[in-house]
Amino acid sequence: MEEADIKQLWHAYDLKLEQSLQLNQKIICELQAQKAENNIGAFRRQQIAGLVLGILWITVLLFFAFYARANLYFAGSIGLIAVFNIFAVASYIRHLSLLNGVNITGNVTDAQQRLAAIQTSLSNTSRIMILQTPLWCIFWYNQDLVRHAGIQFWVINLSVVTVFVISSIYLYKKLSYKNIHIKWVKAFNENLGGKRLAKAMEFLKEIDEYKRES
């Protein structure tokens, strides 16, 4: 066999090998993209459910606040709780808007940035929602109770309210995304849907690496 024939065979073999590698990379990218889409889709459904339930819950809260508006303690507490939930619903809408702009088959970096923004927003929203907790300790107050309650009542109730205020402020500070390295903080964020976003970002990272290699 001539040297030229051998070179030609080697060239043909290299070409087939390169085509095979490109095909494998394409298949892997498609599989990773599908996995990312599945996780993003699951998170989207979760946010839609939160949006619908949130709107219903706000409606109920505002109804009771208006119906019992004569009781300033009840109406004020429930009204503020409704404000917190309106903020949460607005966050769900923002998350869905960001998700609609995620194009896995397009700019991977842009998709990662959008998912990272949602992760941070998800964490901040949950932290802010915790701050409403003390309001649930006082919503049942009324004018007669405040006027005639004894010292023992105020000592016990204000102690409970103080504990909830301190606890909610502590959790607000501790649950920041910068503390994601702490196991229980990470678990808290993952249970809110952050785990699916993190998985989607991992798959996108792998896709980006394959594209760079190719």
N, C-alpha and C. Protein backbone atom coordinates (compact mmCIF):
# COMPACT_ATOMS: atom_id res chain seq x y z
N MET A 1 0.84 -1.20 0.00
CA MET A 1 0.00 0.00 0.00
C MET A 1 0.88 1.25 0.00
N GLU A 2 0.58 2.17 -0.86
CA GLU A 2 1.36 3.40 -0.99
C GLU A 2 1.17 4.28 0.25
N GLU A 3 2.19 5.11 0.47
CA GLU A 3 2.13 6.03 1.61
C GLU A 3 0.95 6.99 1.48
N ALA A 4 0.67 7.41 0.24
CA ALA A 4 -0.45 8.33 0.01
C ALA A 4 -1.77 7.67 0.37
N ASP A 5 -1.88 6.36 0.04
CA ASP A 5 -3.11 5.65 0.38
C ASP A 5 -3.30 5.54 1.90
N ILE A 6 -2.20 5.29 2.59
CA ILE A 6 -2.26 5.18 4.05
C ILE A 6 -2.70 6.51 4.67
N LYS A 7 -2.10 7.61 4.17
CA LYS A 7 -2.46 8.92 4.66
C LYS A 7 -3.93 9.23 4.41
N GLN A 8 -4.38 8.79 3.23
CA GLN A 8 -5.79 9.03 2.88
C GLN A 8 -6.72 8.25 3.82
N LEU A 9 -6.33 7.01 4.14
CA LEU A 9 -7.13 6.20 5.06
C LEU A 9 -7.17 6.83 6.45
N TRP A 10 -5.98 7.29 6.90
CA TRP A 10 -5.91 7.94 8.21
C TRP A 10 -6.75 9.21 8.22
N HIS A 11 -6.70 9.96 7.13
CA HIS A 11 -7.51 11.18 7.04
C HIS A 11 -9.00 10.87 7.10
N ALA A 12 -9.40 9.82 6.38
CA ALA A 12 -10.80 9.41 6.37
C ALA A 12 -11.23 8.95 7.76
N TYR A 13 -10.32 8.23 8.44
CA TYR A 13 -10.62 7.75 9.80
C TYR A 13 -10.75 8.92 10.77
N ASP A 14 -9.82 9.89 10.65
CA ASP A 14 -9.88 11.07 11.52
C ASP A 14 -11.16 11.86 11.29
N LEU A 15 -11.57 11.94 10.03
CA LEU A 15 -12.78 12.67 9.69
C LEU A 15 -14.01 12.02 10.31
N LYS A 16 -14.06 10.67 10.20
CA LYS A 16 -15.19 9.94 10.79
C LYS A 16 -15.20 10.06 12.31
N LEU A 17 -13.98 10.01 12.90
CA LEU A 17 -13.88 10.14 14.35
C LEU A 17 -14.34 11.52 14.80
N GLU A 18 -13.95 12.55 14.06
CA GLU A 18 -14.35 13.91 14.39
C GLU A 18 -15.87 14.07 14.27
N GLN A 19 -16.43 13.49 13.22
CA GLN A 19 -17.88 13.55 13.03
C GLN A 19 -18.61 12.82 14.16
N SER A 20 -18.04 11.68 14.57
CA SER A 20 -18.63 10.91 15.66
C SER A 20 -18.59 11.70 16.97
N LEU A 21 -17.46 12.37 17.23
CA LEU A 21 -17.32 13.17 18.44
C LEU A 21 -18.30 14.35 18.43
N GLN A 22 -18.43 14.98 17.27
CA GLN A 22 -19.36 16.11 17.16
C GLN A 22 -20.80 15.65 17.38
N LEU A 23 -21.13 14.47 16.85
CA LEU A 23 -22.47 13.92 17.02
C LEU A 23 -22.73 13.60 18.49
N ASN A 24 -21.72 13.00 19.14
CA ASN A 24 -21.87 12.70 20.57
C ASN A 24 -22.05 13.96 21.40
N GLN A 25 -21.26 14.99 21.07
CA GLN A 25 -21.38 16.26 21.79
C GLN A 25 -22.75 16.89 21.58
N LYS A 26 -23.25 16.79 20.36
CA LYS A 26 -24.57 17.34 20.06
C LYS A 26 -25.65 16.61 20.85
N ILE A 27 -25.54 15.29 20.92
CA ILE A 27 -26.53 14.49 21.66
C ILE A 27 -26.48 14.83 23.14
N ILE A 28 -25.24 14.93 23.67
CA ILE A 28 -25.07 15.26 25.09
C ILE A 28 -25.66 16.64 25.39
N CYS A 29 -25.39 17.61 24.51
CA CYS A 29 -25.92 18.97 24.70
C CYS A 29 -27.45 18.96 24.68
N GLU A 30 -28.02 18.18 23.78
CA GLU A 30 -29.48 18.10 23.69
C GLU A 30 -30.07 17.46 24.94
N LEU A 31 -29.39 16.43 25.47
CA LEU A 31 -29.86 15.77 26.69
C LEU A 31 -29.78 16.73 27.88
N GLN A 32 -28.67 17.45 27.99
CA GLN A 32 -28.51 18.39 29.08
C GLN A 32 -29.52 19.53 28.96
N ALA A 33 -29.77 19.96 27.73
CA ALA A 33 -30.76 21.02 27.50
C ALA A 33 -32.15 20.55 27.92
N GLN A 34 -32.46 19.29 27.62
CA GLN A 34 -33.76 18.74 28.00
C GLN A 34 -33.91 18.66 29.52
N LYS A 35 -32.83 18.26 30.19
CA LYS A 35 -32.85 18.20 31.65
C LYS A 35 -33.04 19.59 32.25
N ALA A 36 -32.34 20.56 31.67
CA ALA A 36 -32.48 21.94 32.14
C ALA A 36 -33.91 22.44 31.93
N GLU A 37 -34.47 22.14 30.76
CA GLU A 37 -35.84 22.55 30.45
C GLU A 37 -36.83 21.92 31.44
N ASN A 38 -36.61 20.66 31.79
CA ASN A 38 -37.51 19.97 32.73
C ASN A 38 -37.50 20.64 34.10
N ASN A 39 -36.30 20.99 34.57
CA ASN A 39 -36.19 21.65 35.87
C ASN A 39 -36.79 23.05 35.84
N ILE A 40 -36.54 23.77 34.75
CA ILE A 40 -37.11 25.11 34.61
C ILE A 40 -38.63 25.04 34.51
N GLY A 41 -39.12 24.04 33.77
CA GLY A 41 -40.57 23.86 33.63
C GLY A 41 -41.23 23.56 34.97
N ALA A 42 -40.59 22.71 35.78
CA ALA A 42 -41.13 22.39 37.11
C ALA A 42 -41.16 23.62 38.00
N PHE A 43 -40.10 24.42 37.92
CA PHE A 43 -40.05 25.66 38.72
C PHE A 43 -41.11 26.64 38.23
N ARG A 44 -41.31 26.72 36.92
CA ARG A 44 -42.33 27.62 36.37
C ARG A 44 -43.71 27.23 36.88
N ARG A 45 -44.01 25.93 36.89
CA ARG A 45 -45.32 25.47 37.37
C ARG A 45 -45.50 25.82 38.86
N GLN A 46 -44.42 25.70 39.60
CA GLN A 46 -44.46 26.05 41.02
C GLN A 46 -44.76 27.53 41.22
N GLN A 47 -44.14 28.38 40.40
CA GLN A 47 -44.37 29.82 40.50
C GLN A 47 -45.79 30.20 40.07
N ILE A 48 -46.31 29.52 39.06
CA ILE A 48 -47.69 29.78 38.62
C ILE A 48 -48.67 29.40 39.72
N ALA A 49 -48.42 28.25 40.36
CA ALA A 49 -49.28 27.82 41.47
C ALA A 49 -49.22 28.83 42.61
N GLY A 50 -48.01 29.30 42.92
CA GLY A 50 -47.85 30.30 43.97
C GLY A 50 -48.56 31.60 43.62
N LEU A 51 -48.52 31.96 42.34
CA LEU A 51 -49.18 33.19 41.88
C LEU A 51 -50.70 33.09 42.06
N VAL A 52 -51.26 31.98 41.62
CA VAL A 52 -52.72 31.79 41.71
C VAL A 52 -53.17 31.75 43.17
N LEU A 53 -52.48 30.93 43.97
CA LEU A 53 -52.84 30.81 45.39
C LEU A 53 -52.61 32.14 46.12
N GLY A 54 -51.56 32.85 45.73
CA GLY A 54 -51.27 34.13 46.36
C GLY A 54 -52.36 35.14 46.11
N ILE A 55 -52.86 35.20 44.87
CA ILE A 55 -53.94 36.13 44.53
C ILE A 55 -55.20 35.80 45.31
N LEU A 56 -55.50 34.50 45.42
CA LEU A 56 -56.68 34.08 46.18
C LEU A 56 -56.53 34.44 47.66
N TRP A 57 -55.35 34.22 48.20
CA TRP A 57 -55.09 34.51 49.60
C TRP A 57 -55.18 36.01 49.88
N ILE A 58 -54.64 36.82 48.98
CA ILE A 58 -54.72 38.28 49.14
C ILE A 58 -56.18 38.73 49.11
N THR A 59 -56.97 38.14 48.23
CA THR A 59 -58.40 38.47 48.15
C THR A 59 -59.10 38.19 49.47
N VAL A 60 -58.80 37.03 50.04
CA VAL A 60 -59.41 36.66 51.33
C VAL A 60 -58.98 37.64 52.43
N LEU A 61 -57.68 37.95 52.47
CA LEU A 61 -57.16 38.86 53.49
C LEU A 61 -57.80 40.25 53.40
N LEU A 62 -57.87 40.77 52.19
CA LEU A 62 -58.45 42.10 51.99
C LEU A 62 -59.94 42.12 52.32
N PHE A 63 -60.60 41.01 52.03
CA PHE A 63 -62.03 40.91 52.36
C PHE A 63 -62.23 41.00 53.87
N PHE A 64 -61.44 40.23 54.61
CA PHE A 64 -61.58 40.25 56.07
C PHE A 64 -61.15 41.59 56.66
N ALA A 65 -60.10 42.19 56.09
CA ALA A 65 -59.64 43.49 56.58
C ALA A 65 -60.72 44.55 56.37
N PHE A 66 -61.40 44.50 55.23
CA PHE A 66 -62.46 45.47 54.96
C PHE A 66 -63.70 45.18 55.81
N TYR A 67 -64.03 43.91 55.94
CA TYR A 67 -65.23 43.51 56.70
C TYR A 67 -65.09 43.90 58.18
N ALA A 68 -63.87 43.77 58.72
CA ALA A 68 -63.64 44.06 60.14
C ALA A 68 -62.88 45.38 60.32
N ARG A 69 -63.10 46.32 59.42
CA ARG A 69 -62.34 47.57 59.44
C ARG A 69 -62.58 48.39 60.71
N ALA A 70 -63.66 48.11 61.42
CA ALA A 70 -63.93 48.82 62.67
C ALA A 70 -62.90 48.46 63.74
N ASN A 71 -62.35 47.26 63.64
CA ASN A 71 -61.30 46.82 64.57
C ASN A 71 -59.95 47.19 63.96
N LEU A 72 -59.37 48.28 64.42
CA LEU A 72 -58.14 48.79 63.81
C LEU A 72 -56.98 47.81 63.96
N TYR A 73 -56.93 47.07 65.05
CA TYR A 73 -55.84 46.12 65.26
C TYR A 73 -55.92 44.97 64.26
N PHE A 74 -57.11 44.45 64.11
CA PHE A 74 -57.30 43.33 63.17
C PHE A 74 -57.10 43.80 61.73
N ALA A 75 -57.79 44.88 61.35
CA ALA A 75 -57.73 45.36 59.97
C ALA A 75 -56.31 45.80 59.61
N GLY A 76 -55.62 46.46 60.56
CA GLY A 76 -54.25 46.91 60.28
C GLY A 76 -53.29 45.74 60.11
N SER A 77 -53.39 44.74 60.99
CA SER A 77 -52.50 43.58 60.91
C SER A 77 -52.74 42.79 59.63
N ILE A 78 -54.01 42.50 59.35
CA ILE A 78 -54.35 41.72 58.16
C ILE A 78 -54.00 42.51 56.90
N GLY A 79 -54.20 43.82 56.93
CA GLY A 79 -53.85 44.65 55.78
C GLY A 79 -52.36 44.61 55.49
N LEU A 80 -51.53 44.69 56.53
CA LEU A 80 -50.08 44.62 56.35
C LEU A 80 -49.65 43.24 55.85
N ILE A 81 -50.30 42.19 56.36
CA ILE A 81 -50.00 40.84 55.88
C ILE A 81 -50.33 40.73 54.39
N ALA A 82 -51.43 41.36 53.99
CA ALA A 82 -51.80 41.37 52.57
C ALA A 82 -50.74 42.07 51.74
N VAL A 83 -50.16 43.15 52.28
CA VAL A 83 -49.10 43.88 51.56
C VAL A 83 -47.90 42.97 51.34
N PHE A 84 -47.52 42.22 52.35
CA PHE A 84 -46.42 41.26 52.20
C PHE A 84 -46.72 40.26 51.08
N ASN A 85 -47.94 39.76 51.05
CA ASN A 85 -48.31 38.78 50.04
C ASN A 85 -48.41 39.39 48.64
N ILE A 86 -48.78 40.65 48.57
CA ILE A 86 -48.78 41.35 47.27
C ILE A 86 -47.35 41.42 46.74
N PHE A 87 -46.41 41.69 47.64
CA PHE A 87 -45.00 41.72 47.25
C PHE A 87 -44.57 40.35 46.72
N ALA A 88 -45.00 39.27 47.40
CA ALA A 88 -44.65 37.92 46.96
C ALA A 88 -45.21 37.62 45.57
N VAL A 89 -46.46 38.01 45.35
CA VAL A 89 -47.10 37.79 44.04
C VAL A 89 -46.36 38.57 42.95
N ALA A 90 -45.96 39.78 43.26
CA ALA A 90 -45.19 40.58 42.30
C ALA A 90 -43.87 39.89 41.97
N SER A 91 -43.27 39.25 42.97
CA SER A 91 -42.02 38.52 42.74
C SER A 91 -42.26 37.31 41.84
N TYR A 92 -43.37 36.61 42.05
CA TYR A 92 -43.70 35.47 41.19
C TYR A 92 -43.85 35.91 39.73
N ILE A 93 -44.50 37.05 39.55
CA ILE A 93 -44.69 37.58 38.19
C ILE A 93 -43.33 37.92 37.57
N ARG A 94 -42.45 38.52 38.35
CA ARG A 94 -41.11 38.86 37.86
C ARG A 94 -40.33 37.59 37.50
N HIS A 95 -40.43 36.57 38.33
CA HIS A 95 -39.73 35.31 38.04
C HIS A 95 -40.21 34.69 36.74
N LEU A 96 -41.52 34.70 36.53
CA LEU A 96 -42.08 34.14 35.30
C LEU A 96 -41.64 34.96 34.09
N SER A 97 -41.55 36.26 34.27
CA SER A 97 -41.08 37.12 33.18
C SER A 97 -39.64 36.80 32.81
N LEU A 98 -38.80 36.61 33.83
CA LEU A 98 -37.39 36.26 33.59
C LEU A 98 -37.28 34.89 32.94
N LEU A 99 -38.13 33.96 33.37
CA LEU A 99 -38.09 32.61 32.80
C LEU A 99 -38.46 32.63 31.33
N ASN A 100 -39.40 33.48 30.96
CA ASN A 100 -39.81 33.57 29.56
C ASN A 100 -38.67 34.04 28.66
N GLY A 101 -37.70 34.74 29.25
CA GLY A 101 -36.56 35.22 28.47
C GLY A 101 -35.40 34.24 28.43
N VAL A 102 -35.54 33.10 29.13
CA VAL A 102 -34.47 32.10 29.15
C VAL A 102 -34.52 31.27 27.87
N ASN A 103 -33.45 31.32 27.08
CA ASN A 103 -33.36 30.57 25.83
C ASN A 103 -32.17 29.63 25.93
N ILE A 104 -32.43 28.38 26.23
CA ILE A 104 -31.36 27.40 26.46
C ILE A 104 -30.58 27.12 25.18
N THR A 105 -31.27 27.15 24.06
CA THR A 105 -30.59 26.86 22.79
C THR A 105 -29.84 28.08 22.26
N GLY A 106 -30.03 29.22 22.89
CA GLY A 106 -29.38 30.45 22.45
C GLY A 106 -28.17 30.79 23.29
N ASN A 107 -28.20 31.98 23.88
CA ASN A 107 -27.09 32.47 24.69
C ASN A 107 -27.14 31.83 26.08
N VAL A 108 -26.24 30.89 26.32
CA VAL A 108 -26.22 30.17 27.59
C VAL A 108 -25.89 31.10 28.75
N THR A 109 -24.96 32.01 28.53
CA THR A 109 -24.55 32.95 29.58
C THR A 109 -25.72 33.81 30.03
N ASP A 110 -26.51 34.29 29.07
CA ASP A 110 -27.68 35.10 29.41
C ASP A 110 -28.69 34.29 30.20
N ALA A 111 -28.88 33.03 29.80
CA ALA A 111 -29.81 32.15 30.52
C ALA A 111 -29.35 31.93 31.95
N GLN A 112 -28.05 31.72 32.14
CA GLN A 112 -27.50 31.53 33.48
C GLN A 112 -27.69 32.78 34.33
N GLN A 113 -27.49 33.93 33.75
CA GLN A 113 -27.64 35.19 34.49
C GLN A 113 -29.09 35.40 34.93
N ARG A 114 -30.02 35.05 34.05
CA ARG A 114 -31.43 35.19 34.40
C ARG A 114 -31.81 34.24 35.53
N LEU A 115 -31.34 33.00 35.46
CA LEU A 115 -31.64 32.04 36.51
C LEU A 115 -30.99 32.44 37.84
N ALA A 116 -29.79 33.00 37.77
CA ALA A 116 -29.11 33.48 38.98
C ALA A 116 -29.89 34.63 39.61
N ALA A 117 -30.43 35.51 38.76
CA ALA A 117 -31.24 36.63 39.26
C ALA A 117 -32.50 36.12 39.95
N ILE A 118 -33.10 35.07 39.39
CA ILE A 118 -34.30 34.48 40.00
C ILE A 118 -33.94 33.84 41.34
N GLN A 119 -32.80 33.16 41.40
CA GLN A 119 -32.36 32.54 42.64
C GLN A 119 -32.23 33.58 43.75
N THR A 120 -31.57 34.69 43.43
CA THR A 120 -31.38 35.75 44.42
C THR A 120 -32.72 36.36 44.84
N SER A 121 -33.60 36.60 43.87
CA SER A 121 -34.91 37.16 44.15
C SER A 121 -35.75 36.21 45.00
N LEU A 122 -35.66 34.91 44.70
CA LEU A 122 -36.40 33.90 45.45
C LEU A 122 -35.98 33.91 46.92
N SER A 123 -34.68 34.00 47.13
CA SER A 123 -34.15 34.05 48.50
C SER A 123 -34.60 35.32 49.22
N ASN A 124 -34.49 36.46 48.55
CA ASN A 124 -34.88 37.73 49.17
C ASN A 124 -36.37 37.79 49.47
N THR A 125 -37.19 37.24 48.57
CA THR A 125 -38.63 37.24 48.77
C THR A 125 -39.00 36.43 50.01
N SER A 126 -38.42 35.26 50.15
CA SER A 126 -38.72 34.41 51.30
C SER A 126 -38.28 35.06 52.59
N ARG A 127 -37.14 35.78 52.56
CA ARG A 127 -36.64 36.48 53.76
C ARG A 127 -37.62 37.58 54.17
N ILE A 128 -38.08 38.33 53.19
CA ILE A 128 -39.00 39.44 53.49
C ILE A 128 -40.34 38.90 54.00
N MET A 129 -40.80 37.79 53.45
CA MET A 129 -42.07 37.21 53.89
C MET A 129 -42.01 36.77 55.35
N ILE A 130 -40.85 36.39 55.82
CA ILE A 130 -40.71 35.97 57.21
C ILE A 130 -41.00 37.14 58.17
N LEU A 131 -40.74 38.37 57.71
CA LEU A 131 -40.92 39.54 58.57
C LEU A 131 -42.39 39.79 58.93
N GLN A 132 -43.32 39.13 58.25
CA GLN A 132 -44.74 39.31 58.57
C GLN A 132 -45.16 38.49 59.79
N THR A 133 -44.30 37.56 60.22
CA THR A 133 -44.65 36.63 61.30
C THR A 133 -45.19 37.31 62.55
N PRO A 134 -44.54 38.37 63.07
CA PRO A 134 -45.06 39.00 64.31
C PRO A 134 -46.48 39.53 64.17
N LEU A 135 -46.90 39.86 62.96
CA LEU A 135 -48.26 40.38 62.77
C LEU A 135 -49.32 39.36 63.12
N TRP A 136 -48.97 38.07 62.98
CA TRP A 136 -49.92 37.02 63.33
C TRP A 136 -50.09 36.88 64.84
N CYS A 137 -49.22 37.55 65.59
CA CYS A 137 -49.32 37.50 67.06
C CYS A 137 -50.27 38.57 67.61
N ILE A 138 -50.61 39.56 66.78
CA ILE A 138 -51.41 40.68 67.29
C ILE A 138 -52.69 40.92 66.50
N PHE A 139 -52.92 40.13 65.43
CA PHE A 139 -54.09 40.41 64.58
C PHE A 139 -55.40 40.23 65.33
N TRP A 140 -55.39 39.43 66.41
CA TRP A 140 -56.63 39.14 67.14
C TRP A 140 -56.93 40.16 68.24
N TYR A 141 -56.09 41.19 68.38
CA TYR A 141 -56.34 42.24 69.38
C TYR A 141 -57.58 43.04 68.98
N ASN A 142 -58.22 43.62 69.97
CA ASN A 142 -59.31 44.56 69.72
C ASN A 142 -59.28 45.67 70.77
N GLN A 143 -60.09 46.68 70.59
CA GLN A 143 -60.04 47.85 71.46
C GLN A 143 -60.37 47.50 72.92
N ASP A 144 -61.36 46.65 73.11
CA ASP A 144 -61.75 46.27 74.48
C ASP A 144 -60.63 45.52 75.18
N LEU A 145 -59.99 44.63 74.44
CA LEU A 145 -58.89 43.85 75.01
C LEU A 145 -57.74 44.76 75.43
N VAL A 146 -57.42 45.70 74.57
CA VAL A 146 -56.30 46.61 74.86
C VAL A 146 -56.62 47.49 76.08
N ARG A 147 -57.88 47.89 76.20
CA ARG A 147 -58.26 48.77 77.32
C ARG A 147 -58.27 48.04 78.66
N HIS A 148 -58.74 46.79 78.66
CA HIS A 148 -58.99 46.12 79.93
C HIS A 148 -58.03 44.99 80.26
N ALA A 149 -57.11 44.70 79.38
CA ALA A 149 -56.17 43.61 79.66
C ALA A 149 -55.27 43.98 80.83
N GLY A 150 -54.96 42.98 81.67
CA GLY A 150 -54.13 43.22 82.83
C GLY A 150 -52.64 43.15 82.51
N ILE A 151 -51.84 43.40 83.52
CA ILE A 151 -50.39 43.41 83.36
C ILE A 151 -49.88 42.02 82.94
N GLN A 152 -50.46 40.98 83.54
CA GLN A 152 -50.02 39.62 83.21
C GLN A 152 -50.22 39.33 81.72
N PHE A 153 -51.35 39.76 81.19
CA PHE A 153 -51.62 39.56 79.77
C PHE A 153 -50.56 40.23 78.91
N TRP A 154 -50.23 41.49 79.22
CA TRP A 154 -49.27 42.22 78.42
C TRP A 154 -47.85 41.66 78.56
N VAL A 155 -47.52 41.22 79.74
CA VAL A 155 -46.18 40.63 79.93
C VAL A 155 -46.02 39.38 79.07
N ILE A 156 -47.03 38.52 79.09
CA ILE A 156 -46.96 37.27 78.31
C ILE A 156 -46.99 37.56 76.82
N ASN A 157 -47.95 38.37 76.40
CA ASN A 157 -48.12 38.61 74.96
C ASN A 157 -46.99 39.41 74.35
N LEU A 158 -46.53 40.43 75.07
CA LEU A 158 -45.42 41.22 74.53
C LEU A 158 -44.13 40.40 74.51
N SER A 159 -44.00 39.46 75.43
CA SER A 159 -42.83 38.56 75.41
C SER A 159 -42.87 37.67 74.17
N VAL A 160 -44.06 37.16 73.87
CA VAL A 160 -44.22 36.32 72.68
C VAL A 160 -43.94 37.12 71.41
N VAL A 161 -44.51 38.32 71.35
CA VAL A 161 -44.29 39.17 70.17
C VAL A 161 -42.81 39.51 70.02
N THR A 162 -42.15 39.80 71.12
CA THR A 162 -40.72 40.12 71.09
C THR A 162 -39.90 38.96 70.56
N VAL A 163 -40.23 37.76 71.00
CA VAL A 163 -39.53 36.55 70.53
C VAL A 163 -39.69 36.40 69.02
N PHE A 164 -40.92 36.61 68.53
CA PHE A 164 -41.17 36.47 67.10
C PHE A 164 -40.49 37.58 66.30
N VAL A 165 -40.45 38.78 66.85
CA VAL A 165 -39.77 39.88 66.15
C VAL A 165 -38.28 39.59 66.03
N ILE A 166 -37.66 39.21 67.15
CA ILE A 166 -36.22 38.91 67.14
C ILE A 166 -35.92 37.73 66.21
N SER A 167 -36.76 36.71 66.28
CA SER A 167 -36.54 35.51 65.44
C SER A 167 -36.67 35.84 63.96
N SER A 168 -37.69 36.64 63.61
CA SER A 168 -37.90 36.98 62.20
C SER A 168 -36.75 37.84 61.66
N ILE A 169 -36.25 38.76 62.49
CA ILE A 169 -35.12 39.60 62.07
C ILE A 169 -33.86 38.75 61.91
N TYR A 170 -33.66 37.82 62.84
CA TYR A 170 -32.50 36.92 62.76
C TYR A 170 -32.54 36.10 61.48
N LEU A 171 -33.72 35.51 61.20
CA LEU A 171 -33.86 34.69 59.99
C LEU A 171 -33.71 35.53 58.73
N TYR A 172 -34.22 36.75 58.77
CA TYR A 172 -34.09 37.65 57.62
C TYR A 172 -32.61 37.87 57.28
N LYS A 173 -31.81 38.09 58.31
CA LYS A 173 -30.38 38.33 58.10
C LYS A 173 -29.65 37.04 57.73
N LYS A 174 -30.02 35.94 58.36
CA LYS A 174 -29.28 34.70 58.18
C LYS A 174 -29.58 34.01 56.85
N LEU A 175 -30.79 34.16 56.36
CA LEU A 175 -31.19 33.45 55.14
C LEU A 175 -30.76 34.14 53.87
N SER A 176 -29.86 35.07 53.97
CA SER A 176 -29.32 35.74 52.79
C SER A 176 -28.60 34.72 51.90
N TYR A 177 -28.63 34.98 50.59
CA TYR A 177 -28.01 34.03 49.65
C TYR A 177 -26.51 33.95 49.84
N LYS A 178 -25.92 34.94 50.49
CA LYS A 178 -24.48 34.89 50.75
C LYS A 178 -24.13 33.82 51.78
N ASN A 179 -25.16 33.34 52.51
CA ASN A 179 -24.95 32.29 53.50
C ASN A 179 -25.38 30.93 52.98
N ILE A 180 -25.45 30.79 51.65
CA ILE A 180 -25.92 29.55 51.05
C ILE A 180 -25.01 28.37 51.39
N HIS A 181 -23.78 28.65 51.83
CA HIS A 181 -22.85 27.58 52.20
C HIS A 181 -23.26 26.90 53.50
N ILE A 182 -24.12 27.56 54.30
CA ILE A 182 -24.62 26.95 55.54
C ILE A 182 -25.69 25.92 55.17
N LYS A 183 -25.58 24.74 55.74
CA LYS A 183 -26.42 23.62 55.32
C LYS A 183 -27.91 23.92 55.44
N TRP A 184 -28.37 24.45 56.57
CA TRP A 184 -29.81 24.66 56.76
C TRP A 184 -30.33 25.82 55.91
N VAL A 185 -29.47 26.80 55.64
CA VAL A 185 -29.85 27.90 54.74
C VAL A 185 -30.01 27.37 53.32
N LYS A 186 -29.08 26.52 52.92
CA LYS A 186 -29.15 25.90 51.59
C LYS A 186 -30.40 25.05 51.45
N ALA A 187 -30.70 24.26 52.49
CA ALA A 187 -31.90 23.40 52.46
C ALA A 187 -33.17 24.25 52.37
N PHE A 188 -33.19 25.37 53.08
CA PHE A 188 -34.36 26.27 53.05
C PHE A 188 -34.59 26.78 51.64
N ASN A 189 -33.54 27.26 50.99
CA ASN A 189 -33.66 27.79 49.63
C ASN A 189 -34.01 26.70 48.62
N GLU A 190 -33.47 25.52 48.81
CA GLU A 190 -33.77 24.41 47.90
C GLU A 190 -35.24 24.02 47.98
N ASN A 191 -35.80 24.03 49.18
CA ASN A 191 -37.21 23.67 49.35
C ASN A 191 -38.15 24.69 48.71
N LEU A 192 -37.66 25.89 48.49
CA LEU A 192 -38.48 26.94 47.86
C LEU A 192 -38.46 26.83 46.33
N GLY A 193 -37.66 25.93 45.81
CA GLY A 193 -37.53 25.78 44.36
C GLY A 193 -36.14 26.08 43.85
N GLY A 194 -35.27 26.54 44.76
CA GLY A 194 -33.91 26.87 44.35
C GLY A 194 -33.11 25.67 43.86
N LYS A 195 -33.49 24.48 44.34
CA LYS A 195 -32.77 23.27 43.93
C LYS A 195 -32.94 23.02 42.44
N ARG A 196 -34.15 23.22 41.94
CA ARG A 196 -34.41 23.02 40.50
C ARG A 196 -33.65 24.04 39.67
N LEU A 197 -33.59 25.27 40.15
CA LEU A 197 -32.84 26.30 39.43
C LEU A 197 -31.35 25.98 39.42
N ALA A 198 -30.84 25.49 40.57
CA ALA A 198 -29.42 25.15 40.66
C ALA A 198 -29.08 24.01 39.70
N LYS A 199 -29.97 23.01 39.62
CA LYS A 199 -29.73 21.90 38.68
C LYS A 199 -29.75 22.39 37.24
N ALA A 200 -30.70 23.25 36.93
CA ALA A 200 -30.79 23.80 35.57
C ALA A 200 -29.52 24.55 35.21
N MET A 201 -28.99 25.31 36.17
CA MET A 201 -27.76 26.07 35.92
C MET A 201 -26.56 25.14 35.75
N GLU A 202 -26.55 24.02 36.46
CA GLU A 202 -25.47 23.05 36.30
C GLU A 202 -25.49 22.45 34.89
N PHE A 203 -26.69 22.11 34.41
CA PHE A 203 -26.82 21.56 33.06
C PHE A 203 -26.40 22.60 32.01
N LEU A 204 -26.77 23.86 32.24
CA LEU A 204 -26.38 24.92 31.31
C LEU A 204 -24.86 25.11 31.31
N LYS A 205 -24.26 24.97 32.46
CA LYS A 205 -22.80 25.09 32.56
C LYS A 205 -22.12 24.00 31.75
N GLU A 206 -22.65 22.78 31.84
CA GLU A 206 -22.10 21.66 31.07
C GLU A 206 -22.27 21.90 29.58
N ILE A 207 -23.43 22.43 29.20
CA ILE A 207 -23.67 22.73 27.78
C ILE A 207 -22.65 23.76 27.28
N ASP A 208 -22.43 24.79 28.10
CA ASP A 208 -21.47 25.84 27.74
C ASP A 208 -20.07 25.27 27.58
N GLU A 209 -19.70 24.35 28.47
CA GLU A 209 -18.38 23.73 28.40
C GLU A 209 -18.23 22.89 27.13
N TYR A 210 -19.27 22.13 26.78
CA TYR A 210 -19.22 21.34 25.54
C TYR A 210 -19.09 22.23 24.32
N LYS A 211 -19.82 23.36 24.35
CA LYS A 211 -19.74 24.27 23.20
C LYS A 211 -18.35 24.88 23.08
N ARG A 212 -17.75 25.20 24.20
CA ARG A 212 -16.41 25.77 24.17
C ARG A 212 -15.39 24.75 23.65
N GLU A 213 -15.55 23.49 24.08
CA GLU A 213 -14.64 22.43 23.63
C GLU A 213 -14.74 22.19 22.13
N SER A 214 -16.00 22.30 21.64
CA SER A 214 -16.19 22.04 20.21
C SER A 214 -15.78 23.24 19.36
